[in-house]
């Protein structure tokens, strides 16, 4: 069994050793993270580029449809007055 003085001394030694370990480590920040052997980056294939372009065209068509629908509703409200 440890008495209070021995326990206090043990805790001080533990704190000192942990503090030294923390000071010796370099801080790790997201900016300093690097992955080894990631290789060269791939370029987009022609098939992927075509699919991506089709997706954006669908989105623009949906936006145009919504805008036309809203324009049509405001015109019908104007003509009803």
N, C-alpha and C. Protein backbone atom coordinates (compact mmCIF):
# COMPACT_ATOMS: atom_id res chain seq x y z
N UNK A 1 0.85 -1.19 0.00
CA UNK A 1 0.00 0.00 0.00
C UNK A 1 0.88 1.23 0.00
N UNK A 2 0.44 2.25 -0.74
CA UNK A 2 1.18 3.50 -0.81
C UNK A 2 0.56 4.52 0.13
N UNK A 3 1.43 5.26 0.79
CA UNK A 3 0.91 6.36 1.61
C UNK A 3 0.76 7.60 0.74
N UNK A 4 0.22 8.67 1.25
CA UNK A 4 -0.06 9.89 0.49
C UNK A 4 1.19 10.50 -0.10
N UNK A 5 2.29 10.52 0.64
CA UNK A 5 3.55 11.11 0.16
C UNK A 5 4.12 10.30 -1.00
N UNK A 6 4.08 8.97 -0.86
CA UNK A 6 4.60 8.12 -1.93
C UNK A 6 3.74 8.22 -3.18
N UNK A 7 2.42 8.29 -2.97
CA UNK A 7 1.51 8.43 -4.10
C UNK A 7 1.72 9.76 -4.81
N UNK A 8 1.90 10.83 -4.04
CA UNK A 8 2.14 12.15 -4.61
C UNK A 8 3.45 12.16 -5.41
N UNK A 9 4.49 11.56 -4.88
CA UNK A 9 5.77 11.50 -5.59
C UNK A 9 5.64 10.69 -6.88
N UNK A 10 4.90 9.60 -6.81
CA UNK A 10 4.69 8.77 -8.00
C UNK A 10 3.93 9.54 -9.08
N UNK A 11 2.91 10.30 -8.68
CA UNK A 11 2.14 11.09 -9.63
C UNK A 11 2.98 12.19 -10.26
N UNK A 12 3.85 12.81 -9.49
CA UNK A 12 4.73 13.85 -10.03
C UNK A 12 5.66 13.26 -11.09
N UNK A 13 6.26 12.10 -10.80
CA UNK A 13 7.13 11.45 -11.77
C UNK A 13 6.37 11.09 -13.05
N UNK A 14 5.15 10.62 -12.88
CA UNK A 14 4.32 10.27 -14.03
C UNK A 14 3.99 11.49 -14.87
N UNK A 15 3.61 12.58 -14.22
CA UNK A 15 3.30 13.82 -14.94
C UNK A 15 4.53 14.35 -15.68
N UNK A 16 5.71 14.28 -15.02
CA UNK A 16 6.93 14.76 -15.66
C UNK A 16 7.27 13.92 -16.90
N UNK A 17 7.11 12.62 -16.80
CA UNK A 17 7.44 11.76 -17.94
C UNK A 17 6.46 11.97 -19.08
N UNK A 18 5.18 12.19 -18.77
CA UNK A 18 4.19 12.44 -19.82
C UNK A 18 4.41 13.81 -20.44
N UNK A 19 4.77 14.81 -19.64
CA UNK A 19 5.02 16.14 -20.17
C UNK A 19 6.21 16.12 -21.11
N UNK A 20 7.25 15.37 -20.76
CA UNK A 20 8.42 15.25 -21.62
C UNK A 20 8.09 14.56 -22.93
N UNK A 21 7.24 13.56 -22.85
CA UNK A 21 6.84 12.84 -24.06
C UNK A 21 6.03 13.75 -24.97
N UNK A 22 5.17 14.59 -24.41
CA UNK A 22 4.36 15.50 -25.22
C UNK A 22 5.21 16.56 -25.89
N UNK A 23 6.25 17.04 -25.17
CA UNK A 23 7.10 18.08 -25.73
C UNK A 23 7.96 17.53 -26.86
N UNK A 24 8.34 16.26 -26.78
CA UNK A 24 9.22 15.69 -27.80
C UNK A 24 8.47 15.36 -29.08
N UNK A 25 7.16 15.20 -28.99
CA UNK A 25 6.37 14.91 -30.19
C UNK A 25 6.09 16.18 -30.96
N UNK A 26 6.12 16.08 -32.26
CA UNK A 26 5.77 17.22 -33.09
C UNK A 26 4.25 17.23 -33.25
N UNK A 27 3.64 18.40 -33.21
CA UNK A 27 2.19 18.45 -33.37
C UNK A 27 1.77 17.99 -34.76
N UNK A 28 0.69 17.27 -34.80
CA UNK A 28 0.17 16.78 -36.07
C UNK A 28 -1.00 17.65 -36.47
N UNK A 29 -0.88 18.29 -37.59
CA UNK A 29 -1.97 19.13 -38.09
C UNK A 29 -2.43 18.56 -39.42
N UNK A 30 -3.67 18.83 -39.81
CA UNK A 30 -4.15 18.30 -41.10
C UNK A 30 -3.28 18.73 -42.27
N UNK A 31 -2.66 19.90 -42.20
CA UNK A 31 -1.84 20.38 -43.30
C UNK A 31 -0.56 19.57 -43.45
N UNK A 32 -0.11 18.92 -42.34
CA UNK A 32 1.14 18.19 -42.42
C UNK A 32 0.94 16.70 -42.68
N UNK A 33 -0.28 16.27 -42.88
CA UNK A 33 -0.55 14.86 -43.13
C UNK A 33 -0.21 14.55 -44.58
N UNK A 34 0.59 13.52 -44.77
CA UNK A 34 0.96 13.12 -46.13
C UNK A 34 0.79 11.62 -46.25
N UNK A 35 0.36 11.18 -47.40
CA UNK A 35 0.17 9.77 -47.65
C UNK A 35 1.30 9.28 -48.55
N UNK A 36 1.89 8.17 -48.18
CA UNK A 36 2.99 7.62 -48.96
C UNK A 36 2.44 6.79 -50.11
N UNK A 37 3.16 6.79 -51.21
CA UNK A 37 2.86 5.96 -52.37
C UNK A 37 1.45 6.16 -52.91
N UNK A 38 1.02 7.40 -53.04
CA UNK A 38 -0.30 7.64 -53.60
C UNK A 38 -0.28 7.56 -55.11
N UNK A 39 0.87 7.70 -55.70
CA UNK A 39 1.00 7.59 -57.15
C UNK A 39 0.48 8.83 -57.85
N UNK A 40 0.57 8.82 -59.16
CA UNK A 40 0.10 9.98 -59.91
C UNK A 40 -1.43 10.06 -59.89
N UNK A 41 -1.94 11.26 -60.02
CA UNK A 41 -3.39 11.42 -60.04
C UNK A 41 -3.92 11.00 -61.40
N UNK A 42 -5.11 10.43 -61.40
CA UNK A 42 -5.71 9.97 -62.64
C UNK A 42 -6.47 11.13 -63.30
N UNK A 43 -6.49 11.10 -64.61
CA UNK A 43 -7.30 12.07 -65.34
C UNK A 43 -8.65 11.43 -65.61
N UNK A 44 -9.66 12.26 -65.80
CA UNK A 44 -11.00 11.75 -66.05
C UNK A 44 -11.06 11.08 -67.42
N UNK A 45 -11.74 9.95 -67.46
CA UNK A 45 -11.89 9.26 -68.73
C UNK A 45 -12.95 9.97 -69.56
N UNK A 46 -12.94 9.70 -70.85
CA UNK A 46 -13.93 10.33 -71.74
C UNK A 46 -15.34 9.90 -71.38
N UNK A 47 -15.51 8.63 -70.97
CA UNK A 47 -16.84 8.14 -70.59
C UNK A 47 -17.35 8.88 -69.36
N UNK A 48 -16.46 9.08 -68.38
CA UNK A 48 -16.86 9.80 -67.17
C UNK A 48 -17.21 11.25 -67.50
N UNK A 49 -16.42 11.89 -68.34
CA UNK A 49 -16.70 13.27 -68.72
C UNK A 49 -18.06 13.38 -69.39
N UNK A 50 -18.40 12.42 -70.23
CA UNK A 50 -19.70 12.43 -70.91
C UNK A 50 -20.85 12.26 -69.91
N UNK A 51 -20.68 11.35 -68.97
CA UNK A 51 -21.73 11.15 -67.95
C UNK A 51 -21.89 12.39 -67.09
N UNK A 52 -20.77 13.02 -66.71
CA UNK A 52 -20.83 14.23 -65.90
C UNK A 52 -21.52 15.35 -66.66
N UNK A 53 -21.20 15.51 -67.94
CA UNK A 53 -21.84 16.55 -68.74
C UNK A 53 -23.33 16.31 -68.86
N UNK A 54 -23.73 15.04 -69.04
CA UNK A 54 -25.15 14.71 -69.13
C UNK A 54 -25.86 15.03 -67.82
N UNK A 55 -25.22 14.77 -66.72
CA UNK A 55 -25.81 15.06 -65.41
C UNK A 55 -26.05 16.56 -65.26
N UNK A 56 -25.05 17.36 -65.60
CA UNK A 56 -25.21 18.81 -65.47
C UNK A 56 -26.26 19.33 -66.44
N UNK A 57 -26.36 18.73 -67.63
CA UNK A 57 -27.40 19.14 -68.57
C UNK A 57 -28.77 18.82 -67.99
N UNK A 58 -28.94 17.67 -67.35
CA UNK A 58 -30.22 17.32 -66.72
C UNK A 58 -30.57 18.32 -65.63
N UNK A 59 -29.59 18.73 -64.86
CA UNK A 59 -29.82 19.69 -63.79
C UNK A 59 -30.25 21.04 -64.36
N UNK A 60 -29.57 21.48 -65.41
CA UNK A 60 -29.94 22.76 -66.03
C UNK A 60 -31.34 22.70 -66.65
N UNK A 61 -31.69 21.55 -67.23
CA UNK A 61 -33.03 21.40 -67.80
C UNK A 61 -34.08 21.46 -66.70
N UNK A 62 -33.81 20.85 -65.56
CA UNK A 62 -34.73 20.89 -64.43
C UNK A 62 -34.87 22.33 -63.91
N UNK A 63 -33.76 23.05 -63.83
CA UNK A 63 -33.83 24.45 -63.41
C UNK A 63 -34.68 25.27 -64.38
N UNK A 64 -34.48 25.07 -65.67
CA UNK A 64 -35.25 25.81 -66.67
C UNK A 64 -36.73 25.46 -66.56
N UNK A 65 -37.05 24.19 -66.35
CA UNK A 65 -38.43 23.76 -66.20
C UNK A 65 -39.07 24.45 -65.00
N UNK A 66 -38.37 24.48 -63.89
CA UNK A 66 -38.91 25.14 -62.68
C UNK A 66 -39.11 26.63 -62.92
N UNK A 67 -38.13 27.27 -63.57
CA UNK A 67 -38.26 28.70 -63.84
C UNK A 67 -39.44 28.98 -64.77
N UNK A 68 -39.61 28.15 -65.81
CA UNK A 68 -40.73 28.33 -66.73
C UNK A 68 -42.06 28.10 -66.03
N UNK A 69 -42.09 27.12 -65.14
CA UNK A 69 -43.31 26.83 -64.39
C UNK A 69 -43.66 28.02 -63.50
N UNK A 70 -42.66 28.59 -62.83
CA UNK A 70 -42.91 29.75 -61.97
C UNK A 70 -43.34 30.95 -62.81
N UNK A 71 -42.72 31.16 -63.98
CA UNK A 71 -43.10 32.25 -64.86
C UNK A 71 -44.53 32.08 -65.35
N UNK A 72 -44.91 30.85 -65.67
CA UNK A 72 -46.26 30.57 -66.13
C UNK A 72 -47.29 30.83 -65.04
N UNK A 73 -46.98 30.51 -63.79
CA UNK A 73 -47.90 30.76 -62.69
C UNK A 73 -48.07 32.24 -62.45
N UNK A 74 -47.01 33.01 -62.54
CA UNK A 74 -47.15 34.46 -62.31
C UNK A 74 -47.93 35.12 -63.42
N UNK A 75 -47.79 34.64 -64.68
CA UNK A 75 -48.57 35.18 -65.79
C UNK A 75 -50.04 34.86 -65.64
N UNK A 76 -50.37 33.63 -65.18
CA UNK A 76 -51.77 33.26 -65.02
C UNK A 76 -52.40 34.06 -63.88
N UNK A 77 -51.65 34.41 -62.85
CA UNK A 77 -52.17 35.22 -61.78
C UNK A 77 -52.42 36.63 -62.26
N UNK A 78 -51.53 37.15 -63.13
CA UNK A 78 -51.69 38.51 -63.68
C UNK A 78 -52.92 38.59 -64.57
N UNK A 79 -53.17 37.57 -65.36
CA UNK A 79 -54.29 37.61 -66.29
C UNK A 79 -55.62 37.41 -65.56
N UNK A 80 -55.60 36.79 -64.37
CA UNK A 80 -56.82 36.56 -63.62
C UNK A 80 -57.30 37.85 -62.95
N UNK A 81 -56.44 38.84 -62.80
CA UNK A 81 -56.84 40.10 -62.13
C UNK A 81 -57.59 41.03 -63.03
